[in-house]
Amino acid sequence: MAEPLRKRKAGGELYRRRGEVEALIDRLGHLPRDELIERMCIASPTHPDFLPSECLLHFVRKSKRDNSSRQFELMYKALIARVERAATVSGAVHFVEGKRAITARAAKIIEAVVFAFEVKLTQDRNGYCDGLDYFEINFASAMKLLRSTARTKIDTEEDRERPLSYNDEEAISAEVEAAAGSFDPFNPRKIDDPVYRSALGVAINELPAEEREVVVLMLKGYPIDSKEPNATTIRSVLGCSEKTVRNRRDRALAKLRRALEDLE
């Protein structure tokens, strides 16, 4: 029987793998190691012996007790290949003269995701990283969070490298306006999802200070402006014009939408 996970939910309850994953881990544990590795290396999800990524991760984590570096290397490569596929942003892969190619931005995201995952895996092999426990519960969902976090950081770094060319009192570009659209990052149907909520927190923290202030005040329920003279508004708190607040809001929403598009 697989060892229980150690990470606990907010209420104190231990994380638990899905029943079918737990049962499959028990069955696979009886296979000869070479046969298990052979199945772990199957890449096609349509193959009858394809294993869920949660199982691959479990056996890679368990292998720290083994002494065969060759076997670990094979399992590790199979797992990282899954991580790289999960880190690949939709639409990033294209073909040039019949050869597979990937955008530079997508390559950066994959590199960042793999690095973040490898850090967790190294910590686990040196002791125990409960941050990997959620990956054994829902690998795809956990990878979405890693990918969203990586994309937010990369986009923020790229934004910092661009010269500030906008004026808060000028009309925002049609591109930003379209990206912001009717996007609501605090949609109650999404905000209850812990993965979405965590990714949203990371994306908000990466916003420029003046845009982050507007978003935080929106989250607290303050209106941009009000006809009531004594009402507390975002405009009055920040001491700027309504147009400035709306421009900062729209730029922030465009960035949040871009950061969270995989989770919509």
Protein backbone atom coordinates (compact mmCIF):
# COMPACT_ATOMS: atom_id res chain seq x y z
CA MET A 1 0.00 0.00 0.00
CA ALA A 2 1.28 3.49 -0.92
CA GLU A 3 2.43 5.68 1.93
CA PRO A 4 -0.05 8.44 2.76
CA LEU A 5 0.74 11.99 1.71
CA ARG A 6 1.79 14.43 4.44
CA LYS A 7 0.45 17.79 3.30
CA ARG A 8 -2.69 18.94 5.11
CA LYS A 9 -5.62 21.04 3.94
CA ALA A 10 -6.61 24.23 5.73
CA GLY A 11 -8.93 22.21 8.00
CA GLY A 12 -6.15 19.81 9.02
CA GLU A 13 -7.23 16.89 6.81
CA LEU A 14 -4.42 15.08 4.99
CA TYR A 15 -4.29 15.25 1.21
CA ARG A 16 -5.36 11.96 -0.37
CA ARG A 17 -4.73 10.56 -3.83
CA ARG A 18 -7.68 9.70 -6.05
CA GLY A 19 -8.95 6.18 -5.41
CA GLU A 20 -8.10 4.91 -8.88
CA VAL A 21 -4.56 6.29 -8.65
CA GLU A 22 -4.05 4.70 -5.23
CA ALA A 23 -5.29 1.33 -6.55
CA LEU A 24 -3.06 1.53 -9.62
CA ILE A 25 0.00 2.38 -7.51
CA ASP A 26 -0.67 -0.72 -5.40
CA ARG A 27 -0.88 -2.93 -8.50
CA LEU A 28 2.20 -1.41 -10.12
CA GLY A 29 4.20 -1.88 -6.95
CA HIS A 30 4.22 -5.64 -7.59
CA LEU A 31 5.74 -5.35 -11.06
CA PRO A 32 9.46 -6.06 -11.67
CA ARG A 33 11.27 -2.71 -11.71
CA ASP A 34 12.32 -2.97 -15.39
CA GLU A 35 8.73 -3.67 -16.44
CA LEU A 36 7.48 -0.74 -14.37
CA ILE A 37 10.04 1.60 -15.98
CA GLU A 38 9.04 0.35 -19.43
CA ARG A 39 5.45 1.33 -18.71
CA MET A 40 6.50 4.70 -17.27
CA CYS A 41 8.27 5.51 -20.55
CA ILE A 42 5.09 5.09 -22.63
CA ALA A 43 4.34 8.60 -23.89
CA SER A 44 1.09 8.13 -25.79
CA PRO A 45 -2.07 8.63 -23.68
CA THR A 46 -3.96 6.33 -26.05
CA HIS A 47 -1.66 3.37 -25.33
CA PRO A 48 -3.44 0.76 -23.15
CA ASP A 49 -0.51 0.65 -20.71
CA PHE A 50 -0.11 4.44 -20.42
CA LEU A 51 0.28 5.51 -16.80
CA PRO A 52 -1.14 8.65 -15.20
CA SER A 53 1.49 11.26 -14.36
CA GLU A 54 0.49 11.00 -10.70
CA CYS A 55 1.80 7.43 -10.72
CA LEU A 56 5.06 8.41 -12.41
CA LEU A 57 5.71 11.05 -9.79
CA HIS A 58 4.92 8.65 -6.95
CA PHE A 59 7.46 6.08 -8.11
CA VAL A 60 10.13 8.71 -8.81
CA ARG A 61 9.67 10.03 -5.26
CA LYS A 62 9.76 6.48 -3.89
CA SER A 63 12.94 5.69 -5.83
CA LYS A 64 15.10 7.80 -3.52
CA ARG A 65 15.38 4.65 -1.42
CA ASP A 66 16.81 2.71 -4.36
CA ASN A 67 20.48 2.47 -5.19
CA SER A 68 20.25 2.10 -8.97
CA SER A 69 21.13 5.44 -10.57
CA ARG A 70 20.42 3.95 -14.02
CA GLN A 71 16.84 3.11 -13.10
CA PHE A 72 16.27 6.49 -11.50
CA GLU A 73 17.63 8.25 -14.59
CA LEU A 74 15.12 6.44 -16.82
CA MET A 75 12.19 7.23 -14.52
CA TYR A 76 13.32 10.83 -14.11
CA LYS A 77 13.52 11.37 -17.89
CA ALA A 78 10.02 9.94 -18.35
CA LEU A 79 8.64 12.25 -15.66
CA ILE A 80 10.38 15.40 -16.92
CA ALA A 81 9.07 14.66 -20.42
CA ARG A 82 5.55 14.80 -18.94
CA VAL A 83 6.40 18.07 -17.18
CA GLU A 84 7.67 19.60 -20.42
CA ARG A 85 4.51 18.59 -22.30
CA ALA A 86 2.32 20.00 -19.55
CA ALA A 87 4.35 23.23 -19.56
CA THR A 88 3.88 23.80 -23.28
CA VAL A 89 1.44 26.67 -23.80
CA SER A 90 -1.40 26.06 -26.22
CA GLY A 91 -0.55 27.36 -29.70
CA ALA A 92 3.18 27.61 -28.95
CA VAL A 93 4.18 24.77 -31.27
CA HIS A 94 4.24 25.39 -35.01
CA PHE A 95 5.99 23.96 -38.05
CA VAL A 96 8.54 25.67 -40.25
CA GLU A 97 9.33 23.85 -43.51
CA GLY A 98 7.97 20.67 -41.99
CA LYS A 99 10.07 20.94 -38.82
CA ARG A 100 8.59 21.36 -35.34
CA ALA A 101 9.36 24.75 -33.80
CA ILE A 102 8.35 26.58 -30.63
CA THR A 103 8.14 30.27 -29.81
CA ALA A 104 10.91 31.85 -27.72
CA ARG A 105 8.42 32.92 -25.04
CA ALA A 106 7.01 29.39 -24.77
CA ALA A 107 10.52 27.98 -24.47
CA LYS A 108 11.18 30.35 -21.55
CA ILE A 109 7.99 29.22 -19.84
CA ILE A 110 8.89 25.53 -20.25
CA GLU A 111 12.38 26.17 -18.88
CA ALA A 112 10.98 28.03 -15.86
CA VAL A 113 8.38 25.33 -15.14
CA VAL A 114 10.89 22.49 -15.39
CA PHE A 115 13.32 24.36 -13.13
CA ALA A 116 10.61 25.00 -10.49
CA PHE A 117 9.56 21.36 -10.61
CA GLU A 118 13.15 20.11 -10.36
CA VAL A 119 13.71 22.29 -7.28
CA LYS A 120 10.75 20.59 -5.58
CA LEU A 121 11.98 17.16 -6.67
CA THR A 122 15.49 17.85 -5.31
CA GLN A 123 14.04 19.00 -1.99
CA ASP A 124 11.96 15.83 -1.86
CA ARG A 125 14.95 13.58 -2.48
CA ASN A 126 16.85 15.34 0.29
CA GLY A 127 14.00 14.89 2.74
CA TYR A 128 10.34 15.48 1.95
CA CYS A 129 8.70 18.24 -0.10
CA ASP A 130 5.00 18.37 0.69
CA GLY A 131 4.66 20.83 -2.18
CA LEU A 132 4.76 17.77 -4.46
CA ASP A 133 1.82 16.12 -2.71
CA TYR A 134 -0.77 18.05 -4.74
CA PHE A 135 0.93 16.83 -7.94
CA GLU A 136 0.12 13.26 -6.84
CA ILE A 137 -3.53 14.28 -6.42
CA ASN A 138 -4.03 16.25 -9.63
CA PHE A 139 -0.90 16.54 -11.75
CA ALA A 140 -2.56 18.51 -14.57
CA SER A 141 -4.04 21.11 -12.23
CA ALA A 142 -0.78 21.54 -10.31
CA MET A 143 1.12 21.97 -13.59
CA LYS A 144 -1.34 24.66 -14.70
CA LEU A 145 -0.47 26.60 -11.58
CA LEU A 146 3.29 26.24 -12.20
CA ARG A 147 2.82 27.30 -15.82
CA SER A 148 0.68 30.29 -14.89
CA THR A 149 3.22 31.40 -12.28
CA ALA A 150 6.09 31.05 -14.75
CA ARG A 151 4.24 32.97 -17.44
CA THR A 152 3.40 35.81 -15.03
CA LYS A 153 7.05 36.18 -14.00
CA ILE A 154 8.31 36.09 -17.57
CA ASP A 155 5.71 38.61 -18.76
CA THR A 156 6.59 40.88 -15.81
CA GLU A 157 10.30 40.71 -16.66
CA GLU A 158 9.53 41.57 -20.28
CA ASP A 159 7.30 44.47 -19.20
CA ARG A 160 10.12 45.83 -17.02
CA GLU A 161 12.48 45.77 -19.97
CA ARG A 162 10.10 47.90 -22.05
CA PRO A 163 10.32 51.67 -21.59
CA LEU A 164 7.27 53.22 -19.91
CA SER A 165 5.55 54.86 -22.86
CA TYR A 166 2.05 55.44 -21.52
CA ASN A 167 0.44 58.34 -19.73
CA ASP A 168 -2.30 57.63 -17.19
CA GLU A 169 -4.38 60.46 -18.59
CA GLU A 170 -4.13 59.29 -22.20
CA ALA A 171 -6.56 56.83 -23.73
CA ILE A 172 -5.33 53.26 -23.48
CA SER A 173 -4.60 51.32 -26.64
CA ALA A 174 -7.26 49.28 -28.40
CA GLU A 175 -5.12 46.18 -27.76
CA VAL A 176 -5.18 46.69 -23.98
CA GLU A 177 -8.87 47.56 -24.07
CA ALA A 178 -9.67 44.37 -25.95
CA ALA A 179 -7.52 42.26 -23.60
CA ALA A 180 -9.25 43.68 -20.53
CA GLY A 181 -12.69 43.35 -22.07
CA SER A 182 -15.25 42.10 -19.61
CA PHE A 183 -12.70 39.96 -17.76
CA ASP A 184 -13.52 39.56 -14.06
CA PRO A 185 -10.58 38.06 -12.14
CA PHE A 186 -12.76 37.78 -9.03
CA ASN A 187 -15.48 35.69 -10.70
CA PRO A 188 -17.12 33.78 -7.80
CA ARG A 189 -17.36 30.65 -9.96
CA LYS A 190 -13.55 30.59 -10.24
CA ILE A 191 -12.31 32.18 -7.05
CA ASP A 192 -13.27 29.11 -4.98
CA ASP A 193 -10.79 27.00 -6.97
CA PRO A 194 -7.57 26.94 -4.86
CA VAL A 195 -5.37 26.59 -7.96
CA TYR A 196 -6.99 29.61 -9.63
CA ARG A 197 -6.92 31.62 -6.40
CA SER A 198 -3.21 30.90 -5.88
CA ALA A 199 -2.35 31.81 -9.48
CA LEU A 200 -4.39 35.01 -9.17
CA GLY A 201 -2.47 35.99 -6.03
CA VAL A 202 0.86 35.50 -7.80
CA ALA A 203 -0.32 37.49 -10.84
CA ILE A 204 -1.57 40.39 -8.69
CA ASN A 205 1.71 40.54 -6.75
CA GLU A 206 3.63 40.82 -10.02
CA LEU A 207 1.67 43.88 -11.21
CA PRO A 208 3.33 47.33 -11.10
CA ALA A 209 2.56 49.04 -7.79
CA GLU A 210 0.06 51.58 -9.15
CA GLU A 211 -1.92 48.88 -10.99
CA ARG A 212 -1.76 46.51 -8.01
CA GLU A 213 -3.21 49.22 -5.75
CA VAL A 214 -6.26 49.58 -8.01
CA VAL A 215 -6.84 45.81 -8.15
CA VAL A 216 -6.52 45.39 -4.38
CA LEU A 217 -9.02 48.21 -3.78
CA MET A 218 -11.38 46.62 -6.31
CA LEU A 219 -11.04 43.34 -4.44
CA LYS A 220 -12.06 45.13 -1.24
CA GLY A 221 -15.21 46.33 -2.95
CA TYR A 222 -14.44 50.03 -3.38
CA PRO A 223 -16.03 51.73 -6.43
CA ILE A 224 -13.89 53.75 -8.81
CA ASP A 225 -15.97 56.88 -8.17
CA SER A 226 -19.29 57.83 -6.58
CA LYS A 227 -21.84 60.61 -6.71
CA GLU A 228 -21.94 60.49 -2.91
CA PRO A 229 -19.53 63.20 -1.73
CA ASN A 230 -18.48 61.35 1.44
CA ALA A 231 -18.12 57.91 -0.13
CA THR A 232 -14.71 56.21 -0.07
CA THR A 233 -13.68 55.46 -3.64
CA ILE A 234 -10.57 54.20 -5.41
CA ARG A 235 -10.16 57.66 -6.93
CA SER A 236 -10.27 59.37 -3.53
CA VAL A 237 -7.97 56.83 -1.84
CA LEU A 238 -5.31 57.16 -4.56
CA GLY A 239 -5.82 60.88 -5.07
CA CYS A 240 -6.02 60.70 -8.85
CA SER A 241 -8.59 61.21 -11.58
CA GLU A 242 -11.27 58.71 -12.54
CA LYS A 243 -9.66 58.33 -15.98
CA THR A 244 -6.32 57.45 -14.40
CA VAL A 245 -7.96 54.80 -12.22
CA ARG A 246 -9.79 53.28 -15.19
CA ASN A 247 -6.63 53.20 -17.30
CA ARG A 248 -4.67 51.50 -14.53
CA ARG A 249 -7.52 49.06 -14.00
CA ASP A 250 -7.70 48.14 -17.69
CA ARG A 251 -3.94 47.62 -17.97
CA ALA A 252 -4.01 45.46 -14.84
CA LEU A 253 -6.95 43.38 -16.08
CA ALA A 254 -5.25 42.83 -19.44
CA LYS A 255 -2.15 41.50 -17.65
CA LEU A 256 -4.18 39.31 -15.28
CA ARG A 257 -6.17 37.86 -18.16
CA ARG A 258 -2.95 37.03 -20.00
CA ALA A 259 -1.47 35.43 -16.88
CA LEU A 260 -4.57 33.37 -16.10
CA GLU A 261 -5.71 32.41 -19.59
CA ASP A 262 -4.82 28.74 -19.07
CA LEU A 263 -7.10 28.63 -16.03
CA GLU A 264 -10.17 30.23 -17.63
